[in-house]
């Protein structure tokens, strides 16, 4: 029983470390900013797919999971956004919820 608990805690710690690492990786490392258009009524899953379709190097499923986990999935606002080079998923999601047109660091 004790080994099972230790194994579970280690797996949980590894998952948390992987999530932290992913959240601190840039969505885009290219030379020019990505353009993202979020139409009114677009679902959070559609936004995640749109980010990937725009050229971001993130997995749409992970991005959607972050929207849900962070509680920002229903707060994303429609608009045209720019994702500058080196911006993290968490910073961009905050800007989409605040309806800023450029992701903040």
PDB file of N, CA and C in Angstrom:
ATOM      1  N   UNK A   1       0.820  -1.194   0.000  1.00  0.00           N
ATOM      2  CA  UNK A   1       0.000   0.000   0.000  1.00  0.00           C
ATOM      3  C   UNK A   1       0.869   1.264   0.000  1.00  0.00           C
ATOM      4  N   UNK A   2       1.922   1.187   0.802  1.00  0.00           N
ATOM      5  CA  UNK A   2       2.801   2.355   0.900  1.00  0.00           C
ATOM      6  C   UNK A   2       3.514   2.630  -0.424  1.00  0.00           C
ATOM      7  N   UNK A   3       3.957   1.576  -1.109  1.00  0.00           N
ATOM      8  CA  UNK A   3       4.606   1.734  -2.412  1.00  0.00           C
ATOM      9  C   UNK A   3       3.658   2.331  -3.432  1.00  0.00           C
ATOM     10  N   UNK A   4       2.414   1.913  -3.372  1.00  0.00           N
ATOM     11  CA  UNK A   4       1.410   2.447  -4.289  1.00  0.00           C
ATOM     12  C   UNK A   4       1.218   3.947  -4.061  1.00  0.00           C
ATOM     13  N   UNK A   5       1.150   4.355  -2.819  1.00  0.00           N
ATOM     14  CA  UNK A   5       0.998   5.768  -2.487  1.00  0.00           C
ATOM     15  C   UNK A   5       2.214   6.570  -2.936  1.00  0.00           C
ATOM     16  N   UNK A   6       3.407   6.045  -2.701  1.00  0.00           N
ATOM     17  CA  UNK A   6       4.633   6.725  -3.117  1.00  0.00           C
ATOM     18  C   UNK A   6       4.681   6.829  -4.642  1.00  0.00           C
ATOM     19  N   UNK A   7       4.313   5.742  -5.329  1.00  0.00           N
ATOM     20  CA  UNK A   7       4.281   5.763  -6.793  1.00  0.00           C
ATOM     21  C   UNK A   7       3.293   6.783  -7.318  1.00  0.00           C
ATOM     22  N   UNK A   8       2.120   6.848  -6.707  1.00  0.00           N
ATOM     23  CA  UNK A   8       1.111   7.820  -7.110  1.00  0.00           C
ATOM     24  C   UNK A   8       1.607   9.250  -6.903  1.00  0.00           C
ATOM     25  N   UNK A   9       2.215   9.517  -5.765  1.00  0.00           N
ATOM     26  CA  UNK A   9       2.728  10.858  -5.480  1.00  0.00           C
ATOM     27  C   UNK A   9       3.854  11.248  -6.446  1.00  0.00           C
ATOM     28  N   UNK A  10       4.715  10.293  -6.785  1.00  0.00           N
ATOM     29  CA  UNK A  10       5.781  10.572  -7.760  1.00  0.00           C
ATOM     30  C   UNK A  10       5.196  10.855  -9.142  1.00  0.00           C
ATOM     31  N   UNK A  11       4.181  10.113  -9.538  1.00  0.00           N
ATOM     32  CA  UNK A  11       3.531  10.355 -10.826  1.00  0.00           C
ATOM     33  C   UNK A  11       2.860  11.722 -10.836  1.00  0.00           C
ATOM     34  N   UNK A  12       2.233  12.078  -9.743  1.00  0.00           N
ATOM     35  CA  UNK A  12       1.592  13.388  -9.627  1.00  0.00           C
ATOM     36  C   UNK A  12       2.625  14.516  -9.691  1.00  0.00           C
ATOM     37  N   UNK A  13       3.737  14.323  -9.035  1.00  0.00           N
ATOM     38  CA  UNK A  13       4.819  15.304  -9.073  1.00  0.00           C
ATOM     39  C   UNK A  13       5.389  15.443 -10.489  1.00  0.00           C
ATOM     40  N   UNK A  14       5.561  14.325 -11.175  1.00  0.00           N
ATOM     41  CA  UNK A  14       6.068  14.357 -12.550  1.00  0.00           C
ATOM     42  C   UNK A  14       5.085  15.059 -13.479  1.00  0.00           C
ATOM     43  N   UNK A  15       3.797  14.816 -13.308  1.00  0.00           N
ATOM     44  CA  UNK A  15       2.785  15.474 -14.135  1.00  0.00           C
ATOM     45  C   UNK A  15       2.776  16.984 -13.880  1.00  0.00           C
ATOM     46  N   UNK A  16       2.901  17.377 -12.631  1.00  0.00           N
ATOM     47  CA  UNK A  16       2.961  18.806 -12.304  1.00  0.00           C
ATOM     48  C   UNK A  16       4.184  19.479 -12.894  1.00  0.00           C
ATOM     49  N   UNK A  17       5.322  18.787 -12.843  1.00  0.00           N
ATOM     50  CA  UNK A  17       6.555  19.338 -13.427  1.00  0.00           C
ATOM     51  C   UNK A  17       6.427  19.470 -14.940  1.00  0.00           C
ATOM     52  N   UNK A  18       5.809  18.477 -15.578  1.00  0.00           N
ATOM     53  CA  UNK A  18       5.613  18.534 -17.031  1.00  0.00           C
ATOM     54  C   UNK A  18       4.677  19.678 -17.403  1.00  0.00           C
ATOM     55  N   UNK A  19       3.625  19.892 -16.632  1.00  0.00           N
ATOM     56  CA  UNK A  19       2.702  21.002 -16.893  1.00  0.00           C
ATOM     57  C   UNK A  19       3.414  22.341 -16.728  1.00  0.00           C
ATOM     58  N   UNK A  20       4.191  22.483 -15.668  1.00  0.00           N
ATOM     59  CA  UNK A  20       4.929  23.729 -15.450  1.00  0.00           C
ATOM     60  C   UNK A  20       5.878  23.994 -16.615  1.00  0.00           C
ATOM     61  N   UNK A  21       6.596  22.953 -17.046  1.00  0.00           N
ATOM     62  CA  UNK A  21       7.531  23.099 -18.169  1.00  0.00           C
ATOM     63  C   UNK A  21       6.791  23.541 -19.424  1.00  0.00           C
ATOM     64  N   UNK A  22       5.662  22.888 -19.735  1.00  0.00           N
ATOM     65  CA  UNK A  22       4.912  23.217 -20.947  1.00  0.00           C
ATOM     66  C   UNK A  22       4.389  24.657 -20.906  1.00  0.00           C
ATOM     67  N   UNK A  23       3.906  25.092 -19.759  1.00  0.00           N
ATOM     68  CA  UNK A  23       3.361  26.444 -19.640  1.00  0.00           C
ATOM     69  C   UNK A  23       4.428  27.518 -19.801  1.00  0.00           C
ATOM     70  N   UNK A  24       5.676  27.163 -19.592  1.00  0.00           N
ATOM     71  CA  UNK A  24       6.756  28.138 -19.722  1.00  0.00           C
ATOM     72  C   UNK A  24       7.493  28.042 -21.045  1.00  0.00           C
ATOM     73  N   UNK A  25       6.997  27.229 -21.959  1.00  0.00           N
ATOM     74  CA  UNK A  25       7.558  27.147 -23.302  1.00  0.00           C
ATOM     75  C   UNK A  25       6.807  28.126 -24.202  1.00  0.00           C
ATOM     76  N   UNK A  26       7.480  28.749 -25.143  1.00  0.00           N
ATOM     77  CA  UNK A  26       6.777  29.684 -26.029  1.00  0.00           C
ATOM     78  C   UNK A  26       5.826  28.961 -26.965  1.00  0.00           C
ATOM     79  N   UNK A  27       4.704  29.622 -27.247  1.00  0.00           N
ATOM     80  CA  UNK A  27       3.768  29.090 -28.233  1.00  0.00           C
ATOM     81  C   UNK A  27       4.360  29.157 -29.633  1.00  0.00           C
ATOM     82  N   UNK A  28       5.198  30.150 -29.838  1.00  0.00           N
ATOM     83  CA  UNK A  28       5.713  30.421 -31.166  1.00  0.00           C
ATOM     84  C   UNK A  28       7.150  30.898 -31.050  1.00  0.00           C
ATOM     85  N   UNK A  29       8.039  30.282 -31.798  1.00  0.00           N
ATOM     86  CA  UNK A  29       9.445  30.667 -31.746  1.00  0.00           C
ATOM     87  C   UNK A  29       9.933  31.167 -33.099  1.00  0.00           C
ATOM     88  N   UNK A  30       9.026  31.453 -34.014  1.00  0.00           N
ATOM     89  CA  UNK A  30       9.418  31.945 -35.337  1.00  0.00           C
ATOM     90  C   UNK A  30       9.898  33.384 -35.289  1.00  0.00           C
ATOM     91  N   UNK A  31      10.156  33.927 -36.451  1.00  0.00           N
ATOM     92  CA  UNK A  31      10.696  35.283 -36.511  1.00  0.00           C
ATOM     93  C   UNK A  31       9.611  36.348 -36.537  1.00  0.00           C
ATOM     94  N   UNK A  32       8.445  36.032 -37.074  1.00  0.00           N
ATOM     95  CA  UNK A  32       7.356  37.012 -37.140  1.00  0.00           C
ATOM     96  C   UNK A  32       6.202  36.577 -36.249  1.00  0.00           C
ATOM     97  N   UNK A  33       5.396  37.538 -35.847  1.00  0.00           N
ATOM     98  CA  UNK A  33       4.260  37.245 -34.984  1.00  0.00           C
ATOM     99  C   UNK A  33       3.186  36.478 -35.752  1.00  0.00           C
ATOM    100  N   UNK A  34       2.444  35.662 -35.017  1.00  0.00           N
ATOM    101  CA  UNK A  34       1.312  34.944 -35.603  1.00  0.00           C
ATOM    102  C   UNK A  34       0.060  35.793 -35.474  1.00  0.00           C
ATOM    103  N   UNK A  35      -0.805  35.695 -36.443  1.00  0.00           N
ATOM    104  CA  UNK A  35      -2.093  36.393 -36.401  1.00  0.00           C
ATOM    105  C   UNK A  35      -3.174  35.376 -36.058  1.00  0.00           C
ATOM    106  N   UNK A  36      -4.033  35.721 -35.123  1.00  0.00           N
ATOM    107  CA  UNK A  36      -5.117  34.836 -34.710  1.00  0.00           C
ATOM    108  C   UNK A  36      -6.419  35.613 -34.701  1.00  0.00           C
ATOM    109  N   UNK A  37      -7.418  35.101 -35.391  1.00  0.00           N
ATOM    110  CA  UNK A  37      -8.749  35.707 -35.402  1.00  0.00           C
ATOM    111  C   UNK A  37      -9.702  34.775 -34.660  1.00  0.00           C
ATOM    112  N   UNK A  38     -10.311  35.285 -33.594  1.00  0.00           N
ATOM    113  CA  UNK A  38     -11.298  34.529 -32.838  1.00  0.00           C
ATOM    114  C   UNK A  38     -12.658  35.136 -33.151  1.00  0.00           C
ATOM    115  N   UNK A  39     -13.470  34.370 -33.838  1.00  0.00           N
ATOM    116  CA  UNK A  39     -14.804  34.836 -34.225  1.00  0.00           C
ATOM    117  C   UNK A  39     -15.763  34.719 -33.036  1.00  0.00           C
ATOM    118  N   UNK A  40     -16.805  35.570 -32.997  1.00  0.00           N
ATOM    119  CA  UNK A  40     -17.802  35.447 -31.930  1.00  0.00           C
ATOM    120  C   UNK A  40     -18.436  34.050 -31.955  1.00  0.00           C
ATOM    121  N   UNK A  41     -18.590  33.459 -30.801  1.00  0.00           N
ATOM    122  CA  UNK A  41     -19.199  32.139 -30.696  1.00  0.00           C
ATOM    123  C   UNK A  41     -18.235  30.978 -30.849  1.00  0.00           C
ATOM    124  N   UNK A  42     -16.950  31.264 -31.045  1.00  0.00           N
ATOM    125  CA  UNK A  42     -15.969  30.196 -31.171  1.00  0.00           C
ATOM    126  C   UNK A  42     -15.786  29.512 -29.818  1.00  0.00           C
ATOM    127  N   UNK A  43     -15.813  28.198 -29.821  1.00  0.00           N
ATOM    128  CA  UNK A  43     -15.642  27.442 -28.581  1.00  0.00           C
ATOM    129  C   UNK A  43     -14.171  27.466 -28.153  1.00  0.00           C
ATOM    130  N   UNK A  44     -13.893  27.195 -26.890  1.00  0.00           N
ATOM    131  CA  UNK A  44     -12.497  27.123 -26.455  1.00  0.00           C
ATOM    132  C   UNK A  44     -11.688  26.080 -27.243  1.00  0.00           C
ATOM    133  N   UNK A  45     -12.316  24.967 -27.575  1.00  0.00           N
ATOM    134  CA  UNK A  45     -11.642  23.954 -28.382  1.00  0.00           C
ATOM    135  C   UNK A  45     -11.329  24.512 -29.773  1.00  0.00           C
ATOM    136  N   UNK A  46     -12.249  25.306 -30.318  1.00  0.00           N
ATOM    137  CA  UNK A  46     -12.015  25.947 -31.613  1.00  0.00           C
ATOM    138  C   UNK A  46     -10.896  26.977 -31.558  1.00  0.00           C
ATOM    139  N   UNK A  47     -10.792  27.678 -30.434  1.00  0.00           N
ATOM    140  CA  UNK A  47      -9.696  28.637 -30.256  1.00  0.00           C
ATOM    141  C   UNK A  47      -8.366  27.903 -30.223  1.00  0.00           C
ATOM    142  N   UNK A  48      -8.309  26.796 -29.486  1.00  0.00           N
ATOM    143  CA  UNK A  48      -7.075  26.010 -29.413  1.00  0.00           C
ATOM    144  C   UNK A  48      -6.677  25.499 -30.792  1.00  0.00           C
ATOM    145  N   UNK A  49      -7.643  25.015 -31.548  1.00  0.00           N
ATOM    146  CA  UNK A  49      -7.363  24.553 -32.911  1.00  0.00           C
ATOM    147  C   UNK A  49      -6.914  25.706 -33.801  1.00  0.00           C
ATOM    148  N   UNK A  50      -7.515  26.882 -33.610  1.00  0.00           N
ATOM    149  CA  UNK A  50      -7.130  28.051 -34.390  1.00  0.00           C
ATOM    150  C   UNK A  50      -5.708  28.500 -34.115  1.00  0.00           C
ATOM    151  N   UNK A  51      -5.291  28.397 -32.859  1.00  0.00           N
ATOM    152  CA  UNK A  51      -3.920  28.762 -32.493  1.00  0.00           C
ATOM    153  C   UNK A  51      -2.935  27.845 -33.213  1.00  0.00           C
ATOM    154  N   UNK A  52      -3.231  26.559 -33.216  1.00  0.00           N
ATOM    155  CA  UNK A  52      -2.355  25.599 -33.890  1.00  0.00           C
ATOM    156  C   UNK A  52      -2.392  25.818 -35.402  1.00  0.00           C
ATOM    157  N   UNK A  53      -3.585  26.081 -35.946  1.00  0.00           N
ATOM    158  CA  UNK A  53      -3.705  26.326 -37.388  1.00  0.00           C
ATOM    159  C   UNK A  53      -2.963  27.589 -37.807  1.00  0.00           C
ATOM    160  N   UNK A  54      -2.849  28.556 -36.900  1.00  0.00           N
ATOM    161  CA  UNK A  54      -2.119  29.788 -37.207  1.00  0.00           C
ATOM    162  C   UNK A  54      -0.616  29.558 -37.265  1.00  0.00           C
ATOM    163  N   UNK A  55      -0.166  28.412 -36.740  1.00  0.00           N
ATOM    164  CA  UNK A  55       1.251  28.090 -36.817  1.00  0.00           C
ATOM    165  C   UNK A  55       1.956  27.889 -35.489  1.00  0.00           C
ATOM    166  N   UNK A  56       1.219  27.931 -34.386  1.00  0.00           N
ATOM    167  CA  UNK A  56       1.851  27.749 -33.080  1.00  0.00           C
ATOM    168  C   UNK A  56       2.339  26.315 -32.931  1.00  0.00           C
ATOM    169  N   UNK A  57       3.380  26.152 -32.153  1.00  0.00           N
ATOM    170  CA  UNK A  57       3.971  24.831 -31.966  1.00  0.00           C
ATOM    171  C   UNK A  57       3.449  24.158 -30.701  1.00  0.00           C
ATOM    172  N   UNK A  58       2.175  24.298 -30.440  1.00  0.00           N
ATOM    173  CA  UNK A  58       1.553  23.686 -29.265  1.00  0.00           C
ATOM    174  C   UNK A  58       0.554  22.633 -29.724  1.00  0.00           C
ATOM    175  N   UNK A  59       0.244  21.717 -28.851  1.00  0.00           N
ATOM    176  CA  UNK A  59      -0.770  20.717 -29.130  1.00  0.00           C
ATOM    177  C   UNK A  59      -2.130  21.306 -28.763  1.00  0.00           C
ATOM    178  N   UNK A  60      -3.092  21.214 -29.668  1.00  0.00           N
ATOM    179  CA  UNK A  60      -4.409  21.812 -29.428  1.00  0.00           C
ATOM    180  C   UNK A  60      -5.100  21.187 -28.216  1.00  0.00           C
ATOM    181  N   UNK A  61      -4.899  19.896 -28.002  1.00  0.00           N
ATOM    182  CA  UNK A  61      -5.529  19.241 -26.850  1.00  0.00           C
ATOM    183  C   UNK A  61      -4.969  19.762 -25.534  1.00  0.00           C
ATOM    184  N   UNK A  62      -3.645  19.976 -25.480  1.00  0.00           N
ATOM    185  CA  UNK A  62      -3.045  20.528 -24.260  1.00  0.00           C
ATOM    186  C   UNK A  62      -3.482  21.964 -24.021  1.00  0.00           C
ATOM    187  N   UNK A  63      -3.557  22.736 -25.089  1.00  0.00           N
ATOM    188  CA  UNK A  63      -3.982  24.121 -24.963  1.00  0.00           C
ATOM    189  C   UNK A  63      -5.430  24.201 -24.476  1.00  0.00           C
ATOM    190  N   UNK A  64      -6.290  23.378 -25.037  1.00  0.00           N
ATOM    191  CA  UNK A  64      -7.684  23.334 -24.597  1.00  0.00           C
ATOM    192  C   UNK A  64      -7.770  22.898 -23.133  1.00  0.00           C
ATOM    193  N   UNK A  65      -6.972  21.904 -22.751  1.00  0.00           N
ATOM    194  CA  UNK A  65      -6.963  21.449 -21.359  1.00  0.00           C
ATOM    195  C   UNK A  65      -6.524  22.578 -20.426  1.00  0.00           C
ATOM    196  N   UNK A  66      -5.556  23.394 -20.876  1.00  0.00           N
ATOM    197  CA  UNK A  66      -5.122  24.525 -20.054  1.00  0.00           C
ATOM    198  C   UNK A  66      -6.244  25.553 -19.915  1.00  0.00           C
ATOM    199  N   UNK A  67      -6.966  25.814 -20.993  1.00  0.00           N
ATOM    200  CA  UNK A  67      -8.105  26.740 -20.904  1.00  0.00           C
ATOM    201  C   UNK A  67      -9.075  26.253 -19.838  1.00  0.00           C
ATOM    202  N   UNK A  68      -9.410  24.960 -19.867  1.00  0.00           N
ATOM    203  CA  UNK A  68     -10.362  24.399 -18.921  1.00  0.00           C
ATOM    204  C   UNK A  68      -9.808  24.408 -17.495  1.00  0.00           C
ATOM    205  N   UNK A  69      -8.574  23.949 -17.333  1.00  0.00           N
ATOM    206  CA  UNK A  69      -7.959  23.848 -16.006  1.00  0.00           C
ATOM    207  C   UNK A  69      -7.818  25.221 -15.349  1.00  0.00           C
ATOM    208  N   UNK A  70      -7.460  26.230 -16.138  1.00  0.00           N
ATOM    209  CA  UNK A  70      -7.254  27.570 -15.585  1.00  0.00           C
ATOM    210  C   UNK A  70      -8.561  28.301 -15.314  1.00  0.00           C
ATOM    211  N   UNK A  71      -9.668  27.768 -15.828  1.00  0.00           N
ATOM    212  CA  UNK A  71     -10.962  28.420 -15.638  1.00  0.00           C
ATOM    213  C   UNK A  71     -11.210  29.572 -16.589  1.00  0.00           C
ATOM    214  N   UNK A  72     -10.370  29.729 -17.589  1.00  0.00           N
ATOM    215  CA  UNK A  72     -10.507  30.842 -18.521  1.00  0.00           C
ATOM    216  C   UNK A  72     -11.220  30.441 -19.810  1.00  0.00           C
ATOM    217  N   UNK A  73     -11.718  29.219 -19.874  1.00  0.00           N
ATOM    218  CA  UNK A  73     -12.312  28.724 -21.104  1.00  0.00           C
ATOM    219  C   UNK A  73     -13.554  29.507 -21.525  1.00  0.00           C
ATOM    220  N   UNK A  74     -14.326  30.009 -20.601  1.00  0.00           N
ATOM    221  CA  UNK A  74     -15.548  30.742 -20.949  1.00  0.00           C
ATOM    222  C   UNK A  74     -15.340  32.250 -21.036  1.00  0.00           C
ATOM    223  N   UNK A  75     -14.130  32.703 -20.718  1.00  0.00           N
ATOM    224  CA  UNK A  75     -13.862  34.140 -20.700  1.00  0.00           C
ATOM    225  C   UNK A  75     -13.125  34.630 -21.942  1.00  0.00           C
ATOM    226  N   UNK A  76     -12.793  33.736 -22.872  1.00  0.00           N
ATOM    227  CA  UNK A  76     -12.055  34.143 -24.071  1.00  0.00           C
ATOM    228  C   UNK A  76     -12.954  35.002 -24.940  1.00  0.00           C
ATOM    229  N   UNK A  77     -12.440  36.145 -25.350  1.00  0.00           N
ATOM    230  CA  UNK A  77     -13.226  37.115 -26.117  1.00  0.00           C
ATOM    231  C   UNK A  77     -12.853  37.075 -27.602  1.00  0.00           C
ATOM    232  N   UNK A  78     -13.841  37.354 -28.420  1.00  0.00           N
ATOM    233  CA  UNK A  78     -13.618  37.396 -29.867  1.00  0.00           C
ATOM    234  C   UNK A  78     -12.753  38.599 -30.221  1.00  0.00           C
ATOM    235  N   UNK A  79     -12.026  38.471 -31.313  1.00  0.00           N
ATOM    236  CA  UNK A  79     -11.197  39.580 -31.783  1.00  0.00           C
ATOM    237  C   UNK A  79     -10.029  39.075 -32.602  1.00  0.00           C
ATOM    238  N   UNK A  80      -9.241  40.007 -33.079  1.00  0.00           N
ATOM    239  CA  UNK A  80      -8.024  39.689 -33.825  1.00  0.00           C
ATOM    240  C   UNK A  80      -6.841  39.919 -32.909  1.00  0.00           C
ATOM    241  N   UNK A  81      -5.990  38.915 -32.799  1.00  0.00           N
ATOM    242  CA  UNK A  81      -4.874  38.949 -31.872  1.00  0.00           C
ATOM    243  C   UNK A  81      -3.567  38.660 -32.581  1.00  0.00           C
ATOM    244  N   UNK A  82      -2.500  39.110 -31.976  1.00  0.00           N
ATOM    245  CA  UNK A  82      -1.155  38.865 -32.462  1.00  0.00           C
ATOM    246  C   UNK A  82      -0.420  38.087 -31.373  1.00  0.00           C
ATOM    247  N   UNK A  83       0.231  37.013 -31.775  1.00  0.00           N
ATOM    248  CA  UNK A  83       1.026  36.223 -30.838  1.00  0.00           C
ATOM    249  C   UNK A  83       2.489  36.468 -31.175  1.00  0.00           C
ATOM    250  N   UNK A  84       3.150  37.364 -30.462  1.00  0.00           N
ATOM    251  CA  UNK A  84       4.558  37.632 -30.735  1.00  0.00           C
ATOM    252  C   UNK A  84       5.436  36.442 -30.393  1.00  0.00           C
ATOM    253  N   UNK A  85       6.588  36.431 -30.937  1.00  0.00           N
ATOM    254  CA  UNK A  85       7.576  35.383 -30.703  1.00  0.00           C
ATOM    255  C   UNK A  85       7.883  35.276 -29.207  1.00  0.00           C
ATOM    256  N   UNK A  86       7.927  34.066 -28.705  1.00  0.00           N
ATOM    257  CA  UNK A  86       8.331  33.822 -27.330  1.00  0.00           C
ATOM    258  C   UNK A  86       7.246  33.927 -26.275  1.00  0.00           C
ATOM    259  N   UNK A  87       5.995  34.148 -26.650  1.00  0.00           N
ATOM    260  CA  UNK A  87       4.927  34.269 -25.657  1.00  0.00           C
ATOM    261  C   UNK A  87       4.481  32.890 -25.182  1.00  0.00           C
ATOM    262  N   UNK A  88       4.174  32.799 -23.889  1.00  0.00           N
ATOM    263  CA  UNK A  88       3.765  31.549 -23.264  1.00  0.00           C
ATOM    264  C   UNK A  88       2.253  31.370 -23.363  1.00  0.00           C
ATOM    265  N   UNK A  89       1.770  30.130 -23.277  1.00  0.00           N
ATOM    266  CA  UNK A  89       0.324  29.884 -23.341  1.00  0.00           C
ATOM    267  C   UNK A  89      -0.464  30.622 -22.265  1.00  0.00           C
ATOM    268  N   UNK A  90       0.043  30.650 -21.051  1.00  0.00           N
ATOM    269  CA  UNK A  90      -0.703  31.297 -19.964  1.00  0.00           C
ATOM    270  C   UNK A  90      -0.841  32.797 -20.200  1.00  0.00           C
ATOM    271  N   UNK A  91       0.191  33.438 -20.698  1.00  0.00           N
ATOM    272  CA  UNK A  91       0.129  34.882 -20.947  1.00  0.00           C
ATOM    273  C   UNK A  91      -0.827  35.202 -22.087  1.00  0.00           C
ATOM    274  N   UNK A  92      -0.804  34.407 -23.125  1.00  0.00           N
ATOM    275  CA  UNK A  92      -1.705  34.651 -24.246  1.00  0.00           C
ATOM    276  C   UNK A  92      -3.153  34.414 -23.854  1.00  0.00           C
ATOM    277  N   UNK A  93      -3.409  33.380 -23.083  1.00  0.00           N
ATOM    278  CA  UNK A  93      -4.775  33.097 -22.650  1.00  0.00           C
ATOM    279  C   UNK A  93      -5.325  34.242 -21.802  1.00  0.00           C
ATOM    280  N   UNK A  94      -4.487  34.782 -20.925  1.00  0.00           N
ATOM    281  CA  UNK A  94      -4.925  35.938 -20.116  1.00  0.00           C
ATOM    282  C   UNK A  94      -5.275  37.125 -21.000  1.00  0.00           C
ATOM    283  N   UNK A  95      -4.500  37.345 -22.047  1.00  0.00           N
ATOM    284  CA  UNK A  95      -4.774  38.495 -22.912  1.00  0.00           C
ATOM    285  C   UNK A  95      -6.031  38.270 -23.737  1.00  0.00           C
ATOM    286  N   UNK A  96      -6.302  37.028 -24.142  1.00  0.00           N
ATOM    287  CA  UNK A  96      -7.527  36.760 -24.901  1.00  0.00           C
ATOM    288  C   UNK A  96      -8.753  36.939 -24.029  1.00  0.00           C
ATOM    289  N   UNK A  97      -8.614  36.695 -22.734  1.00  0.00           N
ATOM    290  CA  UNK A  97      -9.734  36.873 -21.811  1.00  0.00           C
ATOM    291  C   UNK A  97      -9.961  38.343 -21.492  1.00  0.00           C
ATOM    292  N   UNK A  98      -8.900  39.127 -21.509  1.00  0.00           N
ATOM    293  CA  UNK A  98      -9.014  40.553 -21.208  1.00  0.00           C
ATOM    294  C   UNK A  98      -9.271  41.364 -22.469  1.00  0.00           C
ATOM    295  N   UNK A  99      -9.326  40.693 -23.615  1.00  0.00           N
ATOM    296  CA  UNK A  99      -9.582  41.315 -24.920  1.00  0.00           C
ATOM    297  C   UNK A  99      -8.522  42.322 -25.302  1.00  0.00           C
ATOM    298  N   UNK A 100      -7.283  42.053 -24.910  1.00  0.00           N
ATOM    299  CA  UNK A 100      -6.177  42.856 -25.413  1.00  0.00           C
ATOM    300  C   UNK A 100      -5.809  42.299 -26.771  1.00  0.00           C
ATOM    301  N   UNK A 101      -5.305  43.117 -27.620  1.00  0.00           N
ATOM    302  CA  UNK A 101      -5.018  42.683 -28.973  1.00  0.00           C
ATOM    303  C   UNK A 101      -3.613  42.144 -29.144  1.00  0.00           C
ATOM    304  N   UNK A 102      -2.803  42.201 -28.113  1.00  0.00           N
ATOM    305  CA  UNK A 102      -1.446  41.684 -28.194  1.00  0.00           C
ATOM    306  C   UNK A 102      -1.169  40.914 -26.906  1.00  0.00           C
ATOM    307  N   UNK A 103      -0.575  39.752 -27.034  1.00  0.00           N
ATOM    308  CA  UNK A 103      -0.283  38.940 -25.847  1.00  0.00           C
ATOM    309  C   UNK A 103       0.739  39.654 -24.971  1.00  0.00           C
ATOM    310  N   UNK A 104       0.525  39.585 -23.679  1.00  0.00           N
ATOM    311  CA  UNK A 104       1.473  40.180 -22.724  1.00  0.00           C
ATOM    312  C   UNK A 104       2.431  39.108 -22.242  1.00  0.00           C
ATOM    313  N   UNK A 105       3.585  39.498 -21.814  1.00  0.00           N
ATOM    314  CA  UNK A 105       4.550  38.526 -21.302  1.00  0.00           C
ATOM    315  C   UNK A 105       4.179  38.035 -19.939  1.00  0.00           C
TER     316      UNK A 105
END
